[in-house]
Amino acid sequence: MIHARGLVQTFHTGQGKKKTEVRAVDGVDLDVAEGEVVGFLGPNGAGKTTTLRMLVTLLKPTAGTASVAGFDVATQAQQVRRSIGYVSQAGSTFSGAFAGDEVVDHGMLYGMSKATATARGQELFGQLELDGLWRRMPKNMSGGQKRRLDVVMGLIHEPSLVFLDEPTTGLDPQARANLWEHIADLRRRRGATVFLTTHYLDEADALSDRIIVIDKGRIVASDTPDNLKAQVAGDLVDLEVVDTAQVSMAAERLGAIADNVEIEERHVRGRVQRAGRAVPGLLRELDASGVTLDSIEVHRPTLDDVFLTLTGRSLRDADQPDSEETTDGVPA
């Protein structure tokens, strides 16, 4: 469904002779198979949204090629747009129009009859729990309702490929979980291919068959969530020692089985291969050494650990929309 080779997007910063070329996307290769749900992840400014905008024909590539749904993004942009659904970060509804009218008008732009667009829109309203909101304006809807309305707009013409750009940013946990179910349903019930960008690692983990990681304009990883997490060296063992005088002894005992032991006040942390097997022996060693613990926690590798390993940056607290460009179109 998506095939890209050597995608490049450059911008220029500054004025006059001081202009500097910036490569927001620097030779991206990617493939997405029919029926696949792919999470496209990366830190702010990594090239995520710029790549997505090229794939949906909102930006023409500076170099490289890409085909989407069988059409070239540079020479067959109209055919690409007719074949995909796109839900942008900012949304696509006019706040002062009735929601149902917006949906029907959007469907008619894709060549649907008014009757067909109305029937299809009302069906989607029911599926996305927007019953009773057909004659309500988006400005009078909750954040979750407006986001689900954006999804309806992206699905009204029944596309086989859907691009979702930060679909749950700003939603409360309940609304996010609700929308997750509907996103998963796109493939389960409709057989759609989904290309998803998100800052929420739990979202990517739960929804994606495969995750593609981009950093500094280049693809740095592409694999299943489980395989990516398996690349992180071991489980994180976190010891909380009762007496600070025993921290060094705890670190010595943990260091015998762990890599990269770190100390933070009364906490001693390190990554241990197969911690489930190693921890009982560690506890016996600590007890024999007279080290008393307040607590011990074992954490399996997460996608945030993967990001830290791949990019040196954490996305755990990055819950703001991606902002790769400033208002003048130049990457930040």
Protein backbone atom coordinates (compact mmCIF):
# COMPACT_ATOMS: atom_id res chain seq x y z
CA MET A 1 0.00 0.00 0.00
CA ILE A 2 2.93 2.34 0.67
CA HIS A 3 6.32 2.09 -1.02
CA ALA A 4 8.92 4.84 -0.61
CA ARG A 5 12.55 5.02 -1.56
CA GLY A 6 15.04 7.77 -0.80
CA LEU A 7 12.44 10.35 0.29
CA VAL A 8 14.03 13.71 1.00
CA GLN A 9 12.47 16.99 2.11
CA THR A 10 14.63 20.07 2.50
CA PHE A 11 13.75 23.52 3.80
CA HIS A 12 15.76 26.70 3.98
CA THR A 13 16.18 28.86 7.06
CA GLY A 14 17.40 32.43 7.28
CA GLN A 15 17.38 35.16 4.64
CA GLY A 16 19.55 36.27 1.75
CA LYS A 17 23.06 34.84 1.68
CA LYS A 18 22.65 33.44 5.18
CA LYS A 19 20.13 30.82 4.11
CA THR A 20 20.87 27.35 5.44
CA GLU A 21 19.49 24.13 3.99
CA VAL A 22 17.87 21.81 6.53
CA ARG A 23 17.02 18.21 5.69
CA ALA A 24 13.85 17.48 7.62
CA VAL A 25 13.65 14.07 5.92
CA ASP A 26 16.90 12.54 4.75
CA GLY A 27 16.55 9.47 2.53
CA VAL A 28 13.58 7.60 4.00
CA ASP A 29 12.77 4.08 2.74
CA LEU A 30 9.58 2.43 3.97
CA ASP A 31 7.05 -0.20 2.98
CA VAL A 32 3.59 -0.83 4.40
CA ALA A 33 1.66 -3.94 3.38
CA GLU A 34 -2.07 -4.13 2.74
CA GLY A 35 -4.02 -4.66 5.96
CA GLU A 36 -1.10 -3.68 8.19
CA VAL A 37 -1.35 -1.25 11.11
CA VAL A 38 1.94 0.67 11.34
CA GLY A 39 2.95 3.06 14.10
CA PHE A 40 5.30 5.79 12.84
CA LEU A 41 7.15 7.22 15.83
CA GLY A 42 9.92 9.65 16.60
CA PRO A 43 10.89 12.59 18.82
CA ASN A 44 9.71 16.11 18.02
CA GLY A 45 11.46 17.39 14.91
CA ALA A 46 12.46 13.88 13.80
CA GLY A 47 10.69 14.13 10.43
CA LYS A 48 7.47 12.27 11.28
CA THR A 49 4.89 14.79 10.18
CA THR A 50 6.97 15.96 7.22
CA THR A 51 7.15 12.38 5.93
CA LEU A 52 3.43 11.93 6.47
CA ARG A 53 2.66 15.15 4.60
CA MET A 54 4.65 13.93 1.63
CA LEU A 55 2.80 10.60 1.61
CA VAL A 56 -0.61 12.33 1.63
CA THR A 57 0.55 14.76 -1.11
CA LEU A 58 0.51 17.92 1.03
CA LEU A 59 4.26 18.33 0.39
CA LYS A 60 6.08 17.42 -2.80
CA PRO A 61 9.28 15.45 -2.11
CA THR A 62 12.53 17.29 -2.76
CA ALA A 63 13.98 13.96 -3.91
CA GLY A 64 13.10 10.28 -3.93
CA THR A 65 9.94 8.44 -4.91
CA ALA A 66 6.83 7.19 -3.16
CA SER A 67 3.70 5.37 -4.25
CA VAL A 68 0.59 5.29 -2.09
CA ALA A 69 -2.32 2.96 -2.88
CA GLY A 70 -0.61 2.29 -6.21
CA PHE A 71 -0.22 5.94 -7.26
CA ASP A 72 2.83 8.18 -7.40
CA VAL A 73 2.63 10.98 -4.84
CA ALA A 74 4.39 13.48 -7.12
CA THR A 75 2.66 12.83 -10.46
CA GLN A 76 -0.67 11.29 -9.41
CA ALA A 77 -1.57 13.33 -6.34
CA GLN A 78 -5.29 13.49 -7.17
CA GLN A 79 -5.56 9.70 -7.43
CA VAL A 80 -3.69 9.32 -4.13
CA ARG A 81 -6.09 11.70 -2.38
CA ARG A 82 -9.12 9.85 -3.74
CA SER A 83 -7.74 6.56 -2.43
CA ILE A 84 -6.86 7.49 1.15
CA GLY A 85 -8.44 8.79 4.32
CA TYR A 86 -6.51 11.43 6.24
CA VAL A 87 -7.11 12.64 9.80
CA SER A 88 -4.79 15.54 10.53
CA GLN A 89 -3.55 16.78 13.90
CA ALA A 90 -5.57 19.97 13.62
CA GLY A 91 -8.82 18.36 12.49
CA SER A 92 -10.84 19.12 9.40
CA THR A 93 -14.28 20.27 10.52
CA PHE A 94 -15.69 23.79 10.44
CA SER A 95 -16.80 24.65 13.97
CA GLY A 96 -19.81 26.69 12.81
CA ALA A 97 -21.47 24.06 10.59
CA PHE A 98 -23.68 21.15 11.58
CA ALA A 99 -21.59 17.99 11.96
CA GLY A 100 -23.81 15.97 9.65
CA ASP A 101 -23.67 18.60 6.91
CA GLU A 102 -19.87 18.68 7.11
CA VAL A 103 -19.69 14.90 6.76
CA VAL A 104 -22.10 14.77 3.81
CA ASP A 105 -20.32 17.62 2.01
CA HIS A 106 -17.01 15.84 2.52
CA GLY A 107 -18.43 12.62 1.08
CA MET A 108 -19.84 14.43 -1.94
CA LEU A 109 -16.39 15.88 -2.67
CA TYR A 110 -15.33 12.25 -3.20
CA GLY A 111 -18.12 11.73 -5.73
CA MET A 112 -20.68 10.18 -3.40
CA SER A 113 -24.34 11.04 -3.83
CA LYS A 114 -25.97 13.03 -1.05
CA ALA A 115 -28.16 10.06 -0.09
CA THR A 116 -25.22 7.65 0.01
CA ALA A 117 -23.05 10.08 1.99
CA THR A 118 -25.90 10.67 4.46
CA ALA A 119 -26.50 6.95 5.00
CA ARG A 120 -22.80 6.21 5.31
CA GLY A 121 -22.26 9.16 7.68
CA GLN A 122 -25.12 8.16 9.95
CA GLU A 123 -23.78 4.60 10.05
CA LEU A 124 -20.36 5.88 11.11
CA PHE A 125 -21.92 8.18 13.71
CA GLY A 126 -23.49 5.12 15.29
CA GLN A 127 -20.29 3.08 15.19
CA LEU A 128 -18.19 5.91 16.66
CA GLU A 129 -20.70 6.70 19.40
CA LEU A 130 -21.81 10.05 17.99
CA ASP A 131 -25.52 9.24 18.07
CA GLY A 132 -27.69 12.33 18.43
CA LEU A 133 -24.94 14.73 17.28
CA TRP A 134 -25.81 14.92 13.58
CA ARG A 135 -27.31 18.39 14.02
CA ARG A 136 -24.77 19.66 16.52
CA MET A 137 -21.94 22.02 15.67
CA PRO A 138 -18.36 20.88 16.44
CA LYS A 139 -17.82 23.97 18.60
CA ASN A 140 -20.43 22.55 20.97
CA MET A 141 -18.85 19.08 21.15
CA SER A 142 -16.36 17.67 23.64
CA GLY A 143 -12.77 17.04 22.60
CA GLY A 144 -13.38 13.31 22.24
CA GLN A 145 -16.50 13.85 20.16
CA LYS A 146 -14.71 16.26 17.82
CA ARG A 147 -11.83 13.82 17.38
CA ARG A 148 -14.20 10.98 16.54
CA LEU A 149 -15.94 13.32 14.09
CA ASP A 150 -12.56 13.88 12.43
CA VAL A 151 -12.26 10.10 12.05
CA VAL A 152 -15.73 9.96 10.46
CA MET A 153 -14.60 12.61 7.96
CA GLY A 154 -11.56 10.48 7.11
CA LEU A 155 -13.64 7.32 6.62
CA ILE A 156 -16.74 8.64 4.87
CA HIS A 157 -15.60 7.48 1.41
CA GLU A 158 -14.52 4.03 2.69
CA PRO A 159 -10.79 4.30 1.94
CA SER A 160 -8.62 1.20 2.02
CA LEU A 161 -5.71 3.19 3.48
CA VAL A 162 -6.10 5.59 6.42
CA PHE A 163 -3.50 8.06 7.72
CA LEU A 164 -4.00 9.14 11.33
CA ASP A 165 -1.75 11.96 12.54
CA GLU A 166 -1.71 12.11 16.36
CA PRO A 167 -5.38 11.02 16.52
CA THR A 168 -5.72 11.02 20.33
CA THR A 169 -3.63 14.05 21.32
CA GLY A 170 -5.45 16.08 23.98
CA LEU A 171 -8.07 13.42 24.79
CA ASP A 172 -8.73 12.19 28.31
CA PRO A 173 -7.82 8.53 29.08
CA GLN A 174 -11.37 7.26 28.61
CA ALA A 175 -11.77 8.99 25.25
CA ARG A 176 -8.36 7.70 24.15
CA ALA A 177 -9.24 4.12 25.04
CA ASN A 178 -12.54 4.48 23.20
CA LEU A 179 -10.84 5.75 20.06
CA TRP A 180 -8.24 2.96 20.27
CA GLU A 181 -11.02 0.44 19.90
CA HIS A 182 -12.34 2.19 16.81
CA ILE A 183 -8.87 2.40 15.26
CA ALA A 184 -8.31 -1.33 15.83
CA ASP A 185 -11.74 -1.90 14.29
CA LEU A 186 -10.66 -0.27 11.03
CA ARG A 187 -8.56 -3.30 10.21
CA ARG A 188 -10.65 -5.91 12.03
CA ARG A 189 -14.00 -5.04 10.42
CA ARG A 190 -13.01 -3.11 7.31
CA GLY A 191 -9.67 -4.64 6.34
CA ALA A 192 -8.15 -1.15 6.16
CA THR A 193 -4.46 -0.39 6.22
CA VAL A 194 -3.62 2.15 8.94
CA PHE A 195 -0.58 4.45 9.11
CA LEU A 196 -0.50 6.05 12.56
CA THR A 197 1.72 8.72 14.08
CA THR A 198 1.57 9.16 17.84
CA HIS A 199 3.56 10.33 20.86
CA TYR A 200 1.80 7.85 23.13
CA LEU A 201 3.96 4.74 23.36
CA ASP A 202 1.23 2.65 24.98
CA GLU A 203 -0.99 3.55 22.02
CA ALA A 204 1.61 2.43 19.48
CA ASP A 205 2.26 -0.76 21.45
CA ALA A 206 -1.42 -1.66 21.68
CA LEU A 207 -2.44 -0.86 18.11
CA SER A 208 0.52 -1.50 15.83
CA ASP A 209 1.56 -4.67 14.03
CA ARG A 210 4.86 -2.96 13.32
CA ILE A 211 6.61 0.19 14.49
CA ILE A 212 8.85 2.37 12.36
CA VAL A 213 11.11 4.76 14.27
CA ILE A 214 12.43 7.91 12.62
CA ASP A 215 15.09 10.18 14.12
CA LYS A 216 16.90 13.14 12.56
CA GLY A 217 15.14 12.48 9.27
CA ARG A 218 16.23 8.84 8.96
CA ILE A 219 14.58 5.52 9.73
CA VAL A 220 16.49 3.95 12.63
CA ALA A 221 14.30 0.90 13.34
CA SER A 222 11.42 -1.09 11.88
CA ASP A 223 10.05 -4.16 13.65
CA THR A 224 7.22 -5.49 15.79
CA PRO A 225 6.80 -3.90 19.24
CA ASP A 226 7.87 -7.14 20.94
CA ASN A 227 11.00 -7.53 18.82
CA LEU A 228 12.00 -3.92 19.42
CA LYS A 229 11.60 -4.32 23.17
CA ALA A 230 13.60 -7.54 23.05
CA GLN A 231 16.59 -5.54 21.76
CA VAL A 232 16.81 -3.66 25.06
CA ALA A 233 19.37 -5.39 27.27
CA GLY A 234 17.42 -6.97 30.08
CA ASP A 235 14.76 -6.11 32.65
CA LEU A 236 15.20 -3.07 34.88
CA VAL A 237 15.66 -4.07 38.54
CA ASP A 238 15.06 -1.20 40.99
CA LEU A 239 16.16 -1.72 44.60
CA GLU A 240 15.08 0.78 47.27
CA VAL A 241 17.40 0.42 50.25
CA VAL A 242 16.26 1.31 53.78
CA ASP A 243 19.61 2.70 54.98
CA THR A 244 21.70 4.95 52.71
CA ALA A 245 24.82 3.46 54.30
CA GLN A 246 23.93 0.16 52.61
CA VAL A 247 23.54 1.61 49.10
CA SER A 248 27.09 0.84 48.02
CA MET A 249 26.77 -2.79 49.16
CA ALA A 250 23.45 -3.12 47.30
CA ALA A 251 25.09 -1.66 44.19
CA GLU A 252 27.96 -4.15 44.47
CA ARG A 253 25.60 -7.12 44.77
CA LEU A 254 23.37 -5.91 41.91
CA GLY A 255 26.43 -5.14 39.80
CA ALA A 256 27.41 -8.82 39.90
CA ILE A 257 24.40 -9.68 37.68
CA ALA A 258 23.43 -6.34 36.11
CA ASP A 259 24.73 -3.91 33.50
CA ASN A 260 25.04 -0.15 33.96
CA VAL A 261 24.18 0.05 37.66
CA GLU A 262 22.97 3.52 38.66
CA ILE A 263 22.45 5.03 42.12
CA GLU A 264 19.88 7.71 42.93
CA GLU A 265 19.56 8.46 46.64
CA ARG A 266 18.31 5.19 48.15
CA HIS A 267 17.55 3.60 44.77
CA VAL A 268 19.95 1.23 43.00
CA ARG A 269 19.01 0.28 39.44
CA GLY A 270 20.46 -1.98 36.76
CA ARG A 271 19.39 -4.10 33.79
CA VAL A 272 19.40 -7.84 34.39
CA GLN A 273 18.96 -10.56 31.79
CA ARG A 274 16.06 -12.85 32.73
CA ALA A 275 15.48 -11.03 35.98
CA GLY A 276 12.77 -13.47 37.04
CA ARG A 277 15.42 -16.15 37.41
CA ALA A 278 18.16 -13.91 38.84
CA VAL A 279 16.25 -11.93 41.47
CA PRO A 280 15.73 -14.75 44.05
CA GLY A 281 19.50 -15.30 44.22
CA LEU A 282 20.07 -11.54 44.43
CA LEU A 283 17.71 -11.30 47.40
CA ARG A 284 19.58 -14.08 49.18
CA GLU A 285 22.89 -12.28 48.57
CA LEU A 286 21.50 -8.99 49.88
CA ASP A 287 20.10 -10.67 52.97
CA ALA A 288 23.42 -12.40 53.67
CA SER A 289 25.17 -9.03 53.34
CA GLY A 290 22.77 -7.41 55.83
CA VAL A 291 21.14 -5.14 53.24
CA THR A 292 17.51 -4.33 54.08
CA LEU A 293 15.17 -3.26 51.28
CA ASP A 294 12.08 -1.06 51.40
CA SER A 295 11.04 -2.38 47.99
CA ILE A 296 12.16 -4.16 44.85
CA GLU A 297 10.57 -3.63 41.44
CA VAL A 298 11.22 -5.39 38.16
CA HIS A 299 10.19 -3.63 34.94
CA ARG A 300 10.09 -5.33 31.55
CA PRO A 301 11.49 -3.25 28.68
CA THR A 302 9.09 -0.69 27.25
CA LEU A 303 8.95 1.23 23.99
CA ASP A 304 10.26 4.22 25.90
CA ASP A 305 13.37 2.18 26.71
CA VAL A 306 13.62 1.40 22.99
CA PHE A 307 13.51 5.10 22.15
CA LEU A 308 16.11 5.90 24.75
CA THR A 309 18.37 3.21 23.32
CA LEU A 310 17.85 4.23 19.67
CA THR A 311 17.76 8.02 19.93
CA GLY A 312 19.18 8.93 23.33
CA ARG A 313 15.88 10.67 24.08
CA SER A 314 12.78 9.64 26.00
CA LEU A 315 9.21 10.08 24.81
CA ARG A 316 7.57 9.15 28.11
CA ASP A 317 6.43 12.70 28.83
CA ALA A 318 6.13 13.96 25.24
CA ASP A 319 2.38 14.42 24.97
CA GLN A 320 2.32 17.55 22.82
CA PRO A 321 1.60 17.55 19.07
CA ASP A 322 4.59 17.19 16.79
CA SER A 323 5.94 20.57 15.79
CA GLU A 324 8.52 19.95 13.08
CA GLU A 325 7.74 23.19 11.31
CA THR A 326 7.25 26.77 12.28
CA THR A 327 4.51 28.89 10.78
CA ASP A 328 6.65 29.81 7.81
CA GLY A 329 7.20 26.18 6.89
CA VAL A 330 10.72 25.91 8.21
CA PRO A 331 11.57 23.07 10.59
CA ALA A 332 12.06 24.09 14.18
